[in-house]
Amino acid sequence: MNYEGLIIGVCTFLIIGFFHPIVIKTEYHFGTKVWWVFLLFGLAGVVGSLMIQSTLLSTLLGVFAFSSFWSIKELFEQRERVRKGWFPKKQK
């Protein structure tokens, strides 16, 4: 049996789930000014994905990379959710 597909599926689920609270906490503590950190992690993930020969690890790095890129968009959307009052705003 080949379990790679299931491993990739579970890990993709976990990576996406991992990024959700990170985006919320990042926006809460730093706002949107640190979007470039997600960009750097995404670019590092792309480079790593291209360099690693293991299909499993390369795929997971690709998922990590594009989850990082997607988090940039979500960071700015989180700012809007805070403005609407759906999430708490950090008191200065």
PDB file of N, CA and C in Angstrom:
ATOM      1  N   MET A   1       0.835  -1.186   0.000  1.00  0.00           N
ATOM      2  CA  MET A   1       0.000   0.000   0.000  1.00  0.00           C
ATOM      3  C   MET A   1       0.879   1.249   0.000  1.00  0.00           C
ATOM      4  N   ASN A   2       0.351   2.281  -0.638  1.00  0.00           N
ATOM      5  CA  ASN A   2       1.053   3.546  -0.691  1.00  0.00           C
ATOM      6  C   ASN A   2       0.303   4.559   0.173  1.00  0.00           C
ATOM      7  N   TYR A   3       0.956   5.012   1.212  1.00  0.00           N
ATOM      8  CA  TYR A   3       0.326   5.934   2.162  1.00  0.00           C
ATOM      9  C   TYR A   3       0.689   7.397   1.903  1.00  0.00           C
ATOM     10  N   GLU A   4       1.509   7.669   0.887  1.00  0.00           N
ATOM     11  CA  GLU A   4       1.947   9.037   0.644  1.00  0.00           C
ATOM     12  C   GLU A   4       0.782  10.002   0.436  1.00  0.00           C
ATOM     13  N   GLY A   5      -0.208   9.596  -0.324  1.00  0.00           N
ATOM     14  CA  GLY A   5      -1.351  10.470  -0.577  1.00  0.00           C
ATOM     15  C   GLY A   5      -2.080  10.835   0.698  1.00  0.00           C
ATOM     16  N   LEU A   6      -2.271   9.857   1.572  1.00  0.00           N
ATOM     17  CA  LEU A   6      -2.941  10.129   2.849  1.00  0.00           C
ATOM     18  C   LEU A   6      -2.087  11.026   3.741  1.00  0.00           C
ATOM     19  N   ILE A   7      -0.792  10.779   3.747  1.00  0.00           N
ATOM     20  CA  ILE A   7       0.120  11.608   4.546  1.00  0.00           C
ATOM     21  C   ILE A   7       0.077  13.047   4.047  1.00  0.00           C
ATOM     22  N   ILE A   8       0.118  13.221   2.734  1.00  0.00           N
ATOM     23  CA  ILE A   8       0.055  14.569   2.159  1.00  0.00           C
ATOM     24  C   ILE A   8      -1.271  15.236   2.519  1.00  0.00           C
ATOM     25  N   GLY A   9      -2.360  14.495   2.425  1.00  0.00           N
ATOM     26  CA  GLY A   9      -3.667  15.057   2.758  1.00  0.00           C
ATOM     27  C   GLY A   9      -3.759  15.495   4.203  1.00  0.00           C
ATOM     28  N   VAL A  10      -3.330  14.652   5.113  1.00  0.00           N
ATOM     29  CA  VAL A  10      -3.380  14.981   6.546  1.00  0.00           C
ATOM     30  C   VAL A  10      -2.461  16.167   6.842  1.00  0.00           C
ATOM     31  N   CYS A  11      -1.258  16.138   6.307  1.00  0.00           N
ATOM     32  CA  CYS A  11      -0.314  17.233   6.561  1.00  0.00           C
ATOM     33  C   CYS A  11      -0.803  18.544   5.958  1.00  0.00           C
ATOM     34  N   THR A  12      -1.433  18.497   4.790  1.00  0.00           N
ATOM     35  CA  THR A  12      -2.001  19.704   4.191  1.00  0.00           C
ATOM     36  C   THR A  12      -3.076  20.281   5.101  1.00  0.00           C
ATOM     37  N   PHE A  13      -3.939  19.431   5.604  1.00  0.00           N
ATOM     38  CA  PHE A  13      -4.974  19.843   6.542  1.00  0.00           C
ATOM     39  C   PHE A  13      -4.353  20.513   7.774  1.00  0.00           C
ATOM     40  N   LEU A  14      -3.298  19.912   8.314  1.00  0.00           N
ATOM     41  CA  LEU A  14      -2.638  20.454   9.509  1.00  0.00           C
ATOM     42  C   LEU A  14      -1.926  21.774   9.214  1.00  0.00           C
ATOM     43  N   ILE A  15      -1.273  21.868   8.060  1.00  0.00           N
ATOM     44  CA  ILE A  15      -0.569  23.107   7.702  1.00  0.00           C
ATOM     45  C   ILE A  15      -1.559  24.252   7.563  1.00  0.00           C
ATOM     46  N   ILE A  16      -2.647  24.013   6.853  1.00  0.00           N
ATOM     47  CA  ILE A  16      -3.661  25.065   6.689  1.00  0.00           C
ATOM     48  C   ILE A  16      -4.256  25.441   8.048  1.00  0.00           C
ATOM     49  N   GLY A  17      -4.537  24.445   8.869  1.00  0.00           N
ATOM     50  CA  GLY A  17      -5.054  24.702  10.210  1.00  0.00           C
ATOM     51  C   GLY A  17      -4.059  25.434  11.091  1.00  0.00           C
ATOM     52  N   PHE A  18      -2.785  25.205  10.875  1.00  0.00           N
ATOM     53  CA  PHE A  18      -1.714  25.859  11.616  1.00  0.00           C
ATOM     54  C   PHE A  18      -1.651  27.347  11.271  1.00  0.00           C
ATOM     55  N   PHE A  19      -1.874  27.677  10.013  1.00  0.00           N
ATOM     56  CA  PHE A  19      -1.770  29.062   9.581  1.00  0.00           C
ATOM     57  C   PHE A  19      -2.943  29.928  10.052  1.00  0.00           C
ATOM     58  N   HIS A  20      -4.109  29.341  10.238  1.00  0.00           N
ATOM     59  CA  HIS A  20      -5.287  30.127  10.623  1.00  0.00           C
ATOM     60  C   HIS A  20      -5.057  30.923  11.918  1.00  0.00           C
ATOM     61  N   PRO A  21      -4.664  30.293  13.022  1.00  0.00           N
ATOM     62  CA  PRO A  21      -4.442  31.089  14.237  1.00  0.00           C
ATOM     63  C   PRO A  21      -3.212  31.994  14.136  1.00  0.00           C
ATOM     64  N   ILE A  22      -2.237  31.610  13.325  1.00  0.00           N
ATOM     65  CA  ILE A  22      -1.059  32.466  13.166  1.00  0.00           C
ATOM     66  C   ILE A  22      -1.446  33.793  12.532  1.00  0.00           C
ATOM     67  N   VAL A  23      -2.297  33.746  11.513  1.00  0.00           N
ATOM     68  CA  VAL A  23      -2.756  34.975  10.862  1.00  0.00           C
ATOM     69  C   VAL A  23      -3.511  35.851  11.858  1.00  0.00           C
ATOM     70  N   ILE A  24      -4.376  35.258  12.650  1.00  0.00           N
ATOM     71  CA  ILE A  24      -5.162  36.016  13.629  1.00  0.00           C
ATOM     72  C   ILE A  24      -4.246  36.667  14.665  1.00  0.00           C
ATOM     73  N   LYS A  25      -3.322  35.898  15.205  1.00  0.00           N
ATOM     74  CA  LYS A  25      -2.401  36.427  16.222  1.00  0.00           C
ATOM     75  C   LYS A  25      -1.462  37.480  15.631  1.00  0.00           C
ATOM     76  N   THR A  26      -1.004  37.247  14.411  1.00  0.00           N
ATOM     77  CA  THR A  26      -0.099  38.204  13.773  1.00  0.00           C
ATOM     78  C   THR A  26      -0.793  39.541  13.565  1.00  0.00           C
ATOM     79  N   GLU A  27      -2.010  39.517  13.052  1.00  0.00           N
ATOM     80  CA  GLU A  27      -2.742  40.766  12.838  1.00  0.00           C
ATOM     81  C   GLU A  27      -3.016  41.455  14.167  1.00  0.00           C
ATOM     82  N   TYR A  28      -3.338  40.689  15.185  1.00  0.00           N
ATOM     83  CA  TYR A  28      -3.638  41.255  16.502  1.00  0.00           C
ATOM     84  C   TYR A  28      -2.418  41.974  17.081  1.00  0.00           C
ATOM     85  N   HIS A  29      -1.260  41.331  17.014  1.00  0.00           N
ATOM     86  CA  HIS A  29      -0.065  41.881  17.657  1.00  0.00           C
ATOM     87  C   HIS A  29       0.717  42.856  16.776  1.00  0.00           C
ATOM     88  N   PHE A  30       0.721  42.643  15.464  1.00  0.00           N
ATOM     89  CA  PHE A  30       1.587  43.439  14.590  1.00  0.00           C
ATOM     90  C   PHE A  30       0.846  44.182  13.484  1.00  0.00           C
ATOM     91  N   GLY A  31      -0.421  43.886  13.277  1.00  0.00           N
ATOM     92  CA  GLY A  31      -1.148  44.488  12.166  1.00  0.00           C
ATOM     93  C   GLY A  31      -0.725  43.848  10.846  1.00  0.00           C
ATOM     94  N   THR A  32      -0.864  44.601   9.768  1.00  0.00           N
ATOM     95  CA  THR A  32      -0.541  44.060   8.442  1.00  0.00           C
ATOM     96  C   THR A  32       0.868  44.412   7.986  1.00  0.00           C
ATOM     97  N   LYS A  33       1.595  45.161   8.803  1.00  0.00           N
ATOM     98  CA  LYS A  33       2.919  45.629   8.378  1.00  0.00           C
ATOM     99  C   LYS A  33       3.952  44.515   8.236  1.00  0.00           C
ATOM    100  N   VAL A  34       3.667  43.328   8.730  1.00  0.00           N
ATOM    101  CA  VAL A  34       4.636  42.225   8.641  1.00  0.00           C
ATOM    102  C   VAL A  34       4.253  41.206   7.562  1.00  0.00           C
ATOM    103  N   TRP A  35       3.457  41.630   6.598  1.00  0.00           N
ATOM    104  CA  TRP A  35       3.038  40.730   5.520  1.00  0.00           C
ATOM    105  C   TRP A  35       4.241  40.129   4.805  1.00  0.00           C
ATOM    106  N   TRP A  36       5.328  40.881   4.739  1.00  0.00           N
ATOM    107  CA  TRP A  36       6.519  40.435   4.017  1.00  0.00           C
ATOM    108  C   TRP A  36       7.160  39.198   4.654  1.00  0.00           C
ATOM    109  N   VAL A  37       6.907  38.970   5.931  1.00  0.00           N
ATOM    110  CA  VAL A  37       7.433  37.766   6.585  1.00  0.00           C
ATOM    111  C   VAL A  37       6.796  36.518   5.954  1.00  0.00           C
ATOM    112  N   PHE A  38       5.494  36.581   5.702  1.00  0.00           N
ATOM    113  CA  PHE A  38       4.819  35.475   5.031  1.00  0.00           C
ATOM    114  C   PHE A  38       5.360  35.294   3.612  1.00  0.00           C
ATOM    115  N   LEU A  39       5.668  36.398   2.946  1.00  0.00           N
ATOM    116  CA  LEU A  39       6.252  36.331   1.611  1.00  0.00           C
ATOM    117  C   LEU A  39       7.601  35.624   1.643  1.00  0.00           C
ATOM    118  N   LEU A  40       8.438  35.972   2.609  1.00  0.00           N
ATOM    119  CA  LEU A  40       9.755  35.333   2.720  1.00  0.00           C
ATOM    120  C   LEU A  40       9.631  33.836   3.011  1.00  0.00           C
ATOM    121  N   PHE A  41       8.731  33.482   3.921  1.00  0.00           N
ATOM    122  CA  PHE A  41       8.515  32.062   4.208  1.00  0.00           C
ATOM    123  C   PHE A  41       7.997  31.335   2.967  1.00  0.00           C
ATOM    124  N   GLY A  42       7.113  31.988   2.229  1.00  0.00           N
ATOM    125  CA  GLY A  42       6.590  31.386   1.007  1.00  0.00           C
ATOM    126  C   GLY A  42       7.678  31.169  -0.030  1.00  0.00           C
ATOM    127  N   LEU A  43       8.511  32.182  -0.227  1.00  0.00           N
ATOM    128  CA  LEU A  43       9.606  32.052  -1.197  1.00  0.00           C
ATOM    129  C   LEU A  43      10.601  30.977  -0.767  1.00  0.00           C
ATOM    130  N   ALA A  44      10.887  30.920   0.526  1.00  0.00           N
ATOM    131  CA  ALA A  44      11.787  29.875   1.031  1.00  0.00           C
ATOM    132  C   ALA A  44      11.176  28.488   0.804  1.00  0.00           C
ATOM    133  N   GLY A  45       9.875  28.375   1.005  1.00  0.00           N
ATOM    134  CA  GLY A  45       9.192  27.103   0.763  1.00  0.00           C
ATOM    135  C   GLY A  45       9.233  26.696  -0.697  1.00  0.00           C
ATOM    136  N   VAL A  46       9.076  27.665  -1.598  1.00  0.00           N
ATOM    137  CA  VAL A  46       9.145  27.371  -3.036  1.00  0.00           C
ATOM    138  C   VAL A  46      10.541  26.894  -3.408  1.00  0.00           C
ATOM    139  N   VAL A  47      11.556  27.607  -2.946  1.00  0.00           N
ATOM    140  CA  VAL A  47      12.935  27.208  -3.250  1.00  0.00           C
ATOM    141  C   VAL A  47      13.211  25.826  -2.680  1.00  0.00           C
ATOM    142  N   GLY A  48      12.820  25.601  -1.436  1.00  0.00           N
ATOM    143  CA  GLY A  48      13.025  24.290  -0.829  1.00  0.00           C
ATOM    144  C   GLY A  48      12.303  23.189  -1.576  1.00  0.00           C
ATOM    145  N   SER A  49      11.081  23.475  -1.999  1.00  0.00           N
ATOM    146  CA  SER A  49      10.295  22.492  -2.733  1.00  0.00           C
ATOM    147  C   SER A  49      10.962  22.120  -4.052  1.00  0.00           C
ATOM    148  N   LEU A  50      11.577  23.098  -4.693  1.00  0.00           N
ATOM    149  CA  LEU A  50      12.264  22.835  -5.966  1.00  0.00           C
ATOM    150  C   LEU A  50      13.578  22.081  -5.779  1.00  0.00           C
ATOM    151  N   MET A  51      14.199  22.248  -4.622  1.00  0.00           N
ATOM    152  CA  MET A  51      15.524  21.666  -4.392  1.00  0.00           C
ATOM    153  C   MET A  51      15.470  20.241  -3.825  1.00  0.00           C
ATOM    154  N   ILE A  52      14.401  19.905  -3.125  1.00  0.00           N
ATOM    155  CA  ILE A  52      14.313  18.603  -2.460  1.00  0.00           C
ATOM    156  C   ILE A  52      13.809  17.555  -3.448  1.00  0.00           C
ATOM    157  N   GLN A  53      14.450  16.405  -3.460  1.00  0.00           N
ATOM    158  CA  GLN A  53      14.083  15.352  -4.409  1.00  0.00           C
ATOM    159  C   GLN A  53      12.947  14.467  -3.908  1.00  0.00           C
ATOM    160  N   SER A  54      12.759  14.408  -2.625  1.00  0.00           N
ATOM    161  CA  SER A  54      11.683  13.592  -2.062  1.00  0.00           C
ATOM    162  C   SER A  54      10.329  14.174  -2.452  1.00  0.00           C
ATOM    163  N   THR A  55       9.510  13.372  -3.084  1.00  0.00           N
ATOM    164  CA  THR A  55       8.190  13.841  -3.507  1.00  0.00           C
ATOM    165  C   THR A  55       7.354  14.283  -2.320  1.00  0.00           C
ATOM    166  N   LEU A  56       7.383  13.513  -1.259  1.00  0.00           N
ATOM    167  CA  LEU A  56       6.589  13.827  -0.072  1.00  0.00           C
ATOM    168  C   LEU A  56       7.013  15.169   0.527  1.00  0.00           C
ATOM    169  N   LEU A  57       8.286  15.337   0.797  1.00  0.00           N
ATOM    170  CA  LEU A  57       8.763  16.573   1.414  1.00  0.00           C
ATOM    171  C   LEU A  57       8.620  17.768   0.474  1.00  0.00           C
ATOM    172  N   SER A  58       8.879  17.553  -0.806  1.00  0.00           N
ATOM    173  CA  SER A  58       8.727  18.628  -1.782  1.00  0.00           C
ATOM    174  C   SER A  58       7.278  19.102  -1.845  1.00  0.00           C
ATOM    175  N   THR A  59       6.354  18.166  -1.834  1.00  0.00           N
ATOM    176  CA  THR A  59       4.936  18.512  -1.863  1.00  0.00           C
ATOM    177  C   THR A  59       4.536  19.277  -0.611  1.00  0.00           C
ATOM    178  N   LEU A  60       4.980  18.815   0.531  1.00  0.00           N
ATOM    179  CA  LEU A  60       4.616  19.483   1.785  1.00  0.00           C
ATOM    180  C   LEU A  60       5.229  20.875   1.868  1.00  0.00           C
ATOM    181  N   LEU A  61       6.432  21.048   1.350  1.00  0.00           N
ATOM    182  CA  LEU A  61       7.014  22.388   1.309  1.00  0.00           C
ATOM    183  C   LEU A  61       6.236  23.294   0.356  1.00  0.00           C
ATOM    184  N   GLY A  62       5.765  22.740  -0.747  1.00  0.00           N
ATOM    185  CA  GLY A  62       4.932  23.509  -1.663  1.00  0.00           C
ATOM    186  C   GLY A  62       3.635  23.943  -1.008  1.00  0.00           C
ATOM    187  N   VAL A  63       3.016  23.052  -0.267  1.00  0.00           N
ATOM    188  CA  VAL A  63       1.788  23.393   0.463  1.00  0.00           C
ATOM    189  C   VAL A  63       2.081  24.482   1.488  1.00  0.00           C
ATOM    190  N   PHE A  64       3.189  24.337   2.191  1.00  0.00           N
ATOM    191  CA  PHE A  64       3.601  25.345   3.168  1.00  0.00           C
ATOM    192  C   PHE A  64       3.821  26.699   2.482  1.00  0.00           C
ATOM    193  N   ALA A  65       4.501  26.675   1.330  1.00  0.00           N
ATOM    194  CA  ALA A  65       4.798  27.911   0.608  1.00  0.00           C
ATOM    195  C   ALA A  65       3.527  28.634   0.200  1.00  0.00           C
ATOM    196  N   PHE A  66       2.610  27.913  -0.422  1.00  0.00           N
ATOM    197  CA  PHE A  66       1.409  28.577  -0.903  1.00  0.00           C
ATOM    198  C   PHE A  66       0.429  28.899   0.214  1.00  0.00           C
ATOM    199  N   SER A  67       0.518  28.199   1.333  1.00  0.00           N
ATOM    200  CA  SER A  67      -0.250  28.600   2.511  1.00  0.00           C
ATOM    201  C   SER A  67       0.302  29.913   3.059  1.00  0.00           C
ATOM    202  N   SER A  68       1.609  30.090   2.983  1.00  0.00           N
ATOM    203  CA  SER A  68       2.225  31.357   3.395  1.00  0.00           C
ATOM    204  C   SER A  68       1.767  32.497   2.494  1.00  0.00           C
ATOM    205  N   PHE A  69       1.754  32.254   1.188  1.00  0.00           N
ATOM    206  CA  PHE A  69       1.292  33.282   0.255  1.00  0.00           C
ATOM    207  C   PHE A  69      -0.171  33.632   0.511  1.00  0.00           C
ATOM    208  N   TRP A  70      -0.987  32.624   0.735  1.00  0.00           N
ATOM    209  CA  TRP A  70      -2.410  32.841   0.993  1.00  0.00           C
ATOM    210  C   TRP A  70      -2.602  33.625   2.291  1.00  0.00           C
ATOM    211  N   SER A  71      -1.699  33.428   3.244  1.00  0.00           N
ATOM    212  CA  SER A  71      -1.799  34.117   4.528  1.00  0.00           C
ATOM    213  C   SER A  71      -1.627  35.620   4.380  1.00  0.00           C
ATOM    214  N   ILE A  72      -0.915  36.061   3.354  1.00  0.00           N
ATOM    215  CA  ILE A  72      -0.793  37.503   3.106  1.00  0.00           C
ATOM    216  C   ILE A  72      -2.177  38.083   2.839  1.00  0.00           C
ATOM    217  N   LYS A  73      -2.918  37.437   1.971  1.00  0.00           N
ATOM    218  CA  LYS A  73      -4.282  37.868   1.660  1.00  0.00           C
ATOM    219  C   LYS A  73      -5.150  37.811   2.918  1.00  0.00           C
ATOM    220  N   GLU A  74      -5.042  36.725   3.657  1.00  0.00           N
ATOM    221  CA  GLU A  74      -5.853  36.554   4.864  1.00  0.00           C
ATOM    222  C   GLU A  74      -5.507  37.582   5.934  1.00  0.00           C
ATOM    223  N   LEU A  75      -4.254  38.001   5.989  1.00  0.00           N
ATOM    224  CA  LEU A  75      -3.837  39.004   6.964  1.00  0.00           C
ATOM    225  C   LEU A  75      -4.588  40.319   6.734  1.00  0.00           C
ATOM    226  N   PHE A  76      -4.688  40.714   5.470  1.00  0.00           N
ATOM    227  CA  PHE A  76      -5.416  41.945   5.158  1.00  0.00           C
ATOM    228  C   PHE A  76      -6.931  41.764   5.332  1.00  0.00           C
ATOM    229  N   GLU A  77      -7.420  40.579   5.055  1.00  0.00           N
ATOM    230  CA  GLU A  77      -8.838  40.318   5.307  1.00  0.00           C
ATOM    231  C   GLU A  77      -9.134  40.278   6.804  1.00  0.00           C
ATOM    232  N   GLN A  78      -8.181  39.801   7.589  1.00  0.00           N
ATOM    233  CA  GLN A  78      -8.348  39.784   9.045  1.00  0.00           C
ATOM    234  C   GLN A  78      -8.461  41.209   9.572  1.00  0.00           C
ATOM    235  N   ARG A  79      -7.705  42.117   8.996  1.00  0.00           N
ATOM    236  CA  ARG A  79      -7.803  43.523   9.391  1.00  0.00           C
ATOM    237  C   ARG A  79      -9.238  44.027   9.180  1.00  0.00           C
ATOM    238  N   GLU A  80      -9.846  43.636   8.079  1.00  0.00           N
ATOM    239  CA  GLU A  80     -11.228  44.047   7.813  1.00  0.00           C
ATOM    240  C   GLU A  80     -12.197  43.394   8.797  1.00  0.00           C
ATOM    241  N   ARG A  81     -11.942  42.136   9.154  1.00  0.00           N
ATOM    242  CA  ARG A  81     -12.805  41.461  10.129  1.00  0.00           C
ATOM    243  C   ARG A  81     -12.726  42.150  11.492  1.00  0.00           C
ATOM    244  N   VAL A  82     -11.527  42.637  11.844  1.00  0.00           N
ATOM    245  CA  VAL A  82     -11.364  43.372  13.102  1.00  0.00           C
ATOM    246  C   VAL A  82     -12.122  44.695  13.019  1.00  0.00           C
ATOM    247  N   ARG A  83     -12.024  45.380  11.894  1.00  0.00           N
ATOM    248  CA  ARG A  83     -12.753  46.655  11.725  1.00  0.00           C
ATOM    249  C   ARG A  83     -14.262  46.466  11.857  1.00  0.00           C
ATOM    250  N   LYS A  84     -14.763  45.326  11.398  1.00  0.00           N
ATOM    251  CA  LYS A  84     -16.195  45.035  11.486  1.00  0.00           C
ATOM    252  C   LYS A  84     -16.610  44.604  12.888  1.00  0.00           C
ATOM    253  N   GLY A  85     -15.630  44.357  13.757  1.00  0.00           N
ATOM    254  CA  GLY A  85     -15.933  43.966  15.122  1.00  0.00           C
ATOM    255  C   GLY A  85     -16.082  42.469  15.320  1.00  0.00           C
ATOM    256  N   TRP A  86     -15.719  41.698  14.320  1.00  0.00           N
ATOM    257  CA  TRP A  86     -15.837  40.239  14.424  1.00  0.00           C
ATOM    258  C   TRP A  86     -14.723  39.636  15.269  1.00  0.00           C
ATOM    259  N   PHE A  87     -13.607  40.353  15.378  1.00  0.00           N
ATOM    260  CA  PHE A  87     -12.459  39.920  16.184  1.00  0.00           C
ATOM    261  C   PHE A  87     -12.027  41.096  17.035  1.00  0.00           C
ATOM    262  N   PRO A  88     -11.409  40.829  18.190  1.00  0.00           N
ATOM    263  CA  PRO A  88     -11.003  41.925  19.071  1.00  0.00           C
ATOM    264  C   PRO A  88      -9.843  42.727  18.491  1.00  0.00           C
ATOM    265  N   LYS A  89      -9.849  44.013  18.814  1.00  0.00           N
ATOM    266  CA  LYS A  89      -8.762  44.910  18.418  1.00  0.00           C
ATOM    267  C   LYS A  89      -7.844  45.074  19.613  1.00  0.00           C
ATOM    268  N   LYS A  90      -6.553  45.072  19.377  1.00  0.00           N
ATOM    269  CA  LYS A  90      -5.580  45.227  20.463  1.00  0.00           C
ATOM    270  C   LYS A  90      -5.633  46.649  20.996  1.00  0.00           C
ATOM    271  N   GLN A  91      -5.745  46.745  22.299  1.00  0.00           N
ATOM    272  CA  GLN A  91      -5.732  48.065  22.951  1.00  0.00           C
ATOM    273  C   GLN A  91      -4.299  48.549  23.056  1.00  0.00           C
ATOM    274  N   LYS A  92      -4.099  49.830  22.790  1.00  0.00           N
ATOM    275  CA  LYS A  92      -2.733  50.391  22.839  1.00  0.00           C
ATOM    276  C   LYS A  92      -2.347  50.765  24.243  1.00  0.00           C
TER     277      LYS A  92
END
